[in-house]
Amino acid sequence: MAGEARTAGQPRTAGQPRTAGQPRTAGQVLKQVLKAGSVAVAALAALGLFLTACATGGTGARDEGPAGSDAVAGKVQTSSAASATKAPQRVNAVKLVQDDPEVSPAVKSALKPCVADEYPVDVSYGNLTGGSANDIVVNVMTCADAVGVGSYVYREKDGRFENVFKAEEPPVYAEIDRGDLVVTQQLYAKGDPVSYPSSEEVITYGWSATHFTEESRIHNDYSKAVGGADVPTPAQS
């Protein structure tokens, strides 16, 4: 019957618990060892999950220093970068050039719309002179072949823009390169087509208190053998 005590020397039936002092067989020992090993593995797994949860601290970040302060600093830096890259104040570059007494009459007369009210001017905004407002670089070109006829730099002072640089030796083009003013002048030899100059000068200027000064000059000579230049046709006999 279930729950009935077994007398000494009486054989156990299947599933009957072993009383104290009864010897265990080898199979029983092996089962006990395997069972204990499974319990140990489960305990180690639970311990690993507990340690992982402690390391994250419930925030998803590793506890390697003050993660909270780093996150706040990152937000502040992002906000500062966003405010520093605000869009520049646009100006009417055509009117700026036309009203500028430093611009030659020849350039002003060439500054006419190409199509409708579209003028051949390129405008760049950037910090060249260290002022609180962006400086403005204006390149005036021809409509037909986009040859630069004048390059100018304007700096804001007392609420108005003043001309602090000009180059009117065509073809010329000015650009802002990492805080420097870079002016490219193409040089033509006799017989050169407009699209294939013989050489060019690349001049870099830096701002010095009240004016630009030349910092470097690079001269490039171009090959006559490439670029699709016209080749003389042999005379017919």
Protein backbone atom coordinates (compact mmCIF):
# COMPACT_ATOMS: atom_id res chain seq x y z
CA MET A 1 0.00 0.00 0.00
CA ALA A 2 1.18 3.55 -0.60
CA GLY A 3 3.03 4.99 2.36
CA GLU A 4 3.50 1.56 4.04
CA ALA A 5 6.87 1.11 5.73
CA ARG A 6 9.17 -1.58 4.34
CA THR A 7 10.49 -4.17 6.80
CA ALA A 8 14.18 -4.99 7.02
CA GLY A 9 15.36 -7.24 4.20
CA GLN A 10 12.20 -6.77 2.18
CA PRO A 11 12.98 -5.85 -1.48
CA ARG A 12 11.89 -2.37 -2.69
CA THR A 13 9.29 -1.97 -5.33
CA ALA A 14 9.74 0.43 -8.25
CA GLY A 15 9.50 4.06 -7.16
CA GLN A 16 9.75 3.24 -3.43
CA PRO A 17 12.02 5.71 -1.57
CA ARG A 18 15.28 4.47 -0.08
CA THR A 19 15.54 4.47 3.69
CA ALA A 20 18.53 5.88 5.55
CA GLY A 21 21.59 3.65 5.53
CA GLN A 22 20.59 1.63 2.50
CA PRO A 23 23.52 1.28 0.01
CA ARG A 24 23.17 2.90 -3.44
CA THR A 25 23.92 1.21 -6.71
CA ALA A 26 26.39 2.67 -9.30
CA GLY A 27 23.52 3.72 -11.56
CA GLN A 28 21.91 5.64 -8.73
CA VAL A 29 25.17 7.45 -7.96
CA LEU A 30 25.62 8.41 -11.62
CA LYS A 31 22.06 9.78 -11.80
CA GLN A 32 22.66 11.79 -8.62
CA VAL A 33 25.90 13.28 -10.03
CA LEU A 34 24.24 14.26 -13.29
CA LYS A 35 21.35 15.83 -11.43
CA ALA A 36 23.74 17.84 -9.24
CA GLY A 37 25.68 18.95 -12.33
CA SER A 38 22.51 20.22 -13.99
CA VAL A 39 21.64 22.20 -10.90
CA ALA A 40 25.14 23.71 -10.82
CA VAL A 41 24.97 24.72 -14.49
CA ALA A 42 21.59 26.36 -13.96
CA ALA A 43 22.96 28.22 -10.95
CA LEU A 44 25.95 29.48 -12.92
CA ALA A 45 23.67 30.67 -15.74
CA ALA A 46 21.47 32.53 -13.28
CA LEU A 47 24.57 34.08 -11.68
CA GLY A 48 25.78 35.24 -15.13
CA LEU A 49 22.45 36.91 -15.87
CA PHE A 50 22.53 38.61 -12.48
CA LEU A 51 26.05 39.97 -13.02
CA THR A 52 25.11 41.26 -16.49
CA ALA A 53 22.11 43.08 -15.08
CA CYS A 54 24.28 44.63 -12.36
CA ALA A 55 26.88 45.77 -14.93
CA THR A 56 24.31 47.58 -17.05
CA GLY A 57 22.70 49.13 -14.03
CA GLY A 58 19.35 49.01 -15.79
CA THR A 59 20.36 51.85 -18.18
CA GLY A 60 21.92 49.88 -21.07
CA ALA A 61 25.34 51.57 -20.58
CA ARG A 62 28.41 49.91 -19.10
CA ASP A 63 29.53 51.16 -15.70
CA GLU A 64 32.91 52.51 -16.90
CA GLY A 65 32.91 56.00 -15.47
CA PRO A 66 30.10 58.56 -15.22
CA ALA A 67 28.07 57.57 -18.27
CA GLY A 68 25.36 60.03 -17.34
CA SER A 69 27.68 63.05 -17.51
CA ASP A 70 29.12 61.86 -20.85
CA ALA A 71 25.65 61.64 -22.33
CA VAL A 72 24.85 65.17 -21.19
CA ALA A 73 28.14 66.48 -22.59
CA GLY A 74 27.35 64.86 -25.95
CA LYS A 75 24.01 66.64 -26.06
CA VAL A 76 25.63 69.99 -25.28
CA GLN A 77 28.28 69.51 -27.98
CA THR A 78 25.63 68.61 -30.57
CA SER A 79 23.65 71.73 -29.68
CA SER A 80 26.75 73.94 -29.97
CA ALA A 81 27.67 72.48 -33.36
CA ALA A 82 24.15 73.04 -34.64
CA SER A 83 24.15 76.69 -33.56
CA ALA A 84 27.59 77.30 -35.11
CA THR A 85 26.48 76.09 -38.56
CA LYS A 86 23.50 78.40 -39.01
CA ALA A 87 22.65 79.49 -42.54
CA PRO A 88 24.49 82.63 -43.73
CA GLN A 89 22.68 85.89 -44.34
CA ARG A 90 22.10 86.17 -48.09
CA VAL A 91 22.90 89.37 -49.94
CA ASN A 92 22.12 90.75 -53.38
CA ALA A 93 25.53 90.15 -54.94
CA VAL A 94 24.63 91.86 -58.22
CA LYS A 95 23.65 95.08 -56.46
CA LEU A 96 26.74 94.80 -54.24
CA VAL A 97 29.00 94.78 -57.31
CA GLN A 98 27.06 97.43 -59.23
CA ASP A 99 27.13 99.84 -56.27
CA ASP A 100 30.82 99.22 -55.53
CA PRO A 101 33.07 102.13 -56.65
CA GLU A 102 36.06 99.75 -56.58
CA VAL A 103 34.66 97.67 -59.45
CA SER A 104 35.82 98.78 -62.90
CA PRO A 105 33.30 100.17 -65.42
CA ALA A 106 34.19 97.34 -67.82
CA VAL A 107 33.08 94.67 -65.33
CA LYS A 108 29.91 96.60 -64.46
CA SER A 109 28.95 96.93 -68.11
CA ALA A 110 29.54 93.19 -68.63
CA LEU A 111 27.33 92.32 -65.66
CA LYS A 112 24.05 91.74 -67.46
CA PRO A 113 21.41 88.98 -67.21
CA CYS A 114 22.11 85.89 -69.29
CA VAL A 115 18.53 84.56 -69.20
CA ALA A 116 15.59 86.49 -67.75
CA ASP A 117 16.88 87.80 -64.40
CA GLU A 118 19.71 85.25 -64.03
CA TYR A 119 23.10 86.99 -63.71
CA PRO A 120 26.48 85.29 -64.31
CA VAL A 121 27.72 85.55 -60.70
CA ASP A 122 28.94 82.93 -58.23
CA VAL A 123 28.68 83.80 -54.54
CA SER A 124 30.44 82.12 -51.59
CA TYR A 125 29.99 82.79 -47.87
CA GLY A 126 32.63 82.03 -45.26
CA ASN A 127 35.02 83.38 -42.65
CA LEU A 128 38.10 84.89 -44.27
CA THR A 129 38.82 87.95 -42.13
CA GLY A 130 37.97 86.72 -38.61
CA GLY A 131 34.92 88.97 -38.25
CA SER A 132 31.66 88.16 -36.50
CA ALA A 133 29.79 87.88 -39.81
CA ASN A 134 30.51 85.83 -42.91
CA ASP A 135 32.64 87.37 -45.62
CA ILE A 136 31.34 87.28 -49.18
CA VAL A 137 33.27 86.23 -52.29
CA VAL A 138 31.73 87.26 -55.61
CA ASN A 139 32.90 86.07 -59.02
CA VAL A 140 31.58 87.85 -62.12
CA MET A 141 31.69 85.82 -65.35
CA THR A 142 30.71 86.07 -69.00
CA CYS A 143 27.46 84.47 -70.12
CA ALA A 144 28.82 82.77 -73.25
CA ASP A 145 31.76 80.77 -71.89
CA ALA A 146 31.71 81.42 -68.09
CA VAL A 147 35.10 83.13 -68.12
CA GLY A 148 35.77 84.98 -64.88
CA VAL A 149 36.23 88.71 -65.45
CA GLY A 150 36.33 89.88 -61.82
CA SER A 151 36.64 88.46 -58.30
CA TYR A 152 35.83 90.44 -55.14
CA VAL A 153 35.75 89.94 -51.37
CA TYR A 154 33.39 91.93 -49.16
CA ARG A 155 33.70 92.27 -45.39
CA GLU A 156 30.97 93.58 -43.10
CA LYS A 157 31.84 96.69 -41.13
CA ASP A 158 29.45 98.95 -39.21
CA GLY A 159 26.42 97.35 -40.81
CA ARG A 160 27.62 97.63 -44.41
CA PHE A 161 29.91 95.65 -46.70
CA GLU A 162 33.23 97.05 -47.87
CA ASN A 163 35.46 95.80 -50.65
CA VAL A 164 38.69 94.36 -49.18
CA PHE A 165 39.97 92.49 -52.27
CA LYS A 166 39.59 92.59 -56.03
CA ALA A 167 41.18 90.86 -59.03
CA GLU A 168 40.16 91.93 -62.53
CA GLU A 169 42.65 90.21 -64.80
CA PRO A 170 40.57 87.65 -66.71
CA PRO A 171 40.24 84.74 -66.61
CA VAL A 172 40.16 84.84 -62.80
CA TYR A 173 38.24 82.97 -60.13
CA ALA A 174 38.34 83.23 -56.32
CA GLU A 175 37.37 80.60 -53.74
CA ILE A 176 37.37 80.02 -49.98
CA ASP A 177 39.61 77.12 -48.98
CA ARG A 178 39.84 76.29 -45.23
CA GLY A 179 39.82 79.92 -44.19
CA ASP A 180 42.14 81.15 -46.95
CA LEU A 181 41.36 83.04 -50.14
CA VAL A 182 42.54 81.10 -53.20
CA VAL A 183 42.61 82.92 -56.54
CA THR A 184 43.16 81.07 -59.82
CA GLN A 185 44.28 82.97 -62.91
CA GLN A 186 44.49 81.14 -66.22
CA LEU A 187 47.24 82.23 -68.60
CA TYR A 188 46.96 82.04 -72.37
CA ALA A 189 49.70 81.97 -74.96
CA LYS A 190 49.17 83.33 -78.44
CA GLY A 191 46.73 81.12 -80.33
CA ASP A 192 45.32 79.31 -77.27
CA PRO A 193 41.58 78.61 -77.46
CA VAL A 194 39.49 79.86 -74.54
CA SER A 195 38.88 76.32 -73.27
CA TYR A 196 42.59 75.33 -73.25
CA PRO A 197 44.92 77.81 -71.52
CA SER A 198 48.66 77.16 -71.57
CA SER A 199 49.09 77.52 -67.80
CA GLU A 200 47.63 78.90 -64.60
CA GLU A 201 48.66 80.62 -61.38
CA VAL A 202 47.09 79.52 -58.09
CA ILE A 203 47.64 82.18 -55.43
CA THR A 204 46.73 81.78 -51.76
CA TYR A 205 46.03 84.86 -49.63
CA GLY A 206 45.65 85.20 -45.87
CA TRP A 207 44.05 88.01 -43.89
CA SER A 208 46.45 90.29 -42.01
CA ALA A 209 44.67 92.80 -39.73
CA THR A 210 43.29 95.09 -42.47
CA HIS A 211 44.13 93.47 -45.80
CA PHE A 212 45.02 90.26 -47.62
CA THR A 213 48.64 89.25 -48.12
CA GLU A 214 50.00 86.63 -50.49
CA GLU A 215 51.08 83.44 -48.73
CA SER A 216 51.92 81.10 -51.60
CA ARG A 217 51.89 80.86 -55.38
CA ILE A 218 51.75 77.75 -57.55
CA HIS A 219 52.35 77.73 -61.31
CA ASN A 220 50.94 74.91 -63.47
CA ASP A 221 51.86 74.35 -67.12
CA TYR A 222 49.41 72.33 -69.22
CA SER A 223 50.26 69.83 -71.94
CA LYS A 224 49.48 70.74 -75.53
CA ALA A 225 49.20 67.07 -76.52
CA VAL A 226 45.94 66.37 -74.66
CA GLY A 227 42.59 68.03 -74.22
CA GLY A 228 41.23 67.87 -77.76
CA ALA A 229 43.09 70.89 -79.12
CA ASP A 230 42.84 71.34 -82.87
CA VAL A 231 45.58 69.61 -84.87
CA PRO A 232 46.64 71.28 -88.14
CA THR A 233 45.38 69.39 -91.20
CA PRO A 234 48.06 68.53 -93.83
CA ALA A 235 47.77 70.60 -97.02
CA GLN A 236 46.30 68.82 -100.04
CA SER A 237 48.73 68.30 -102.98
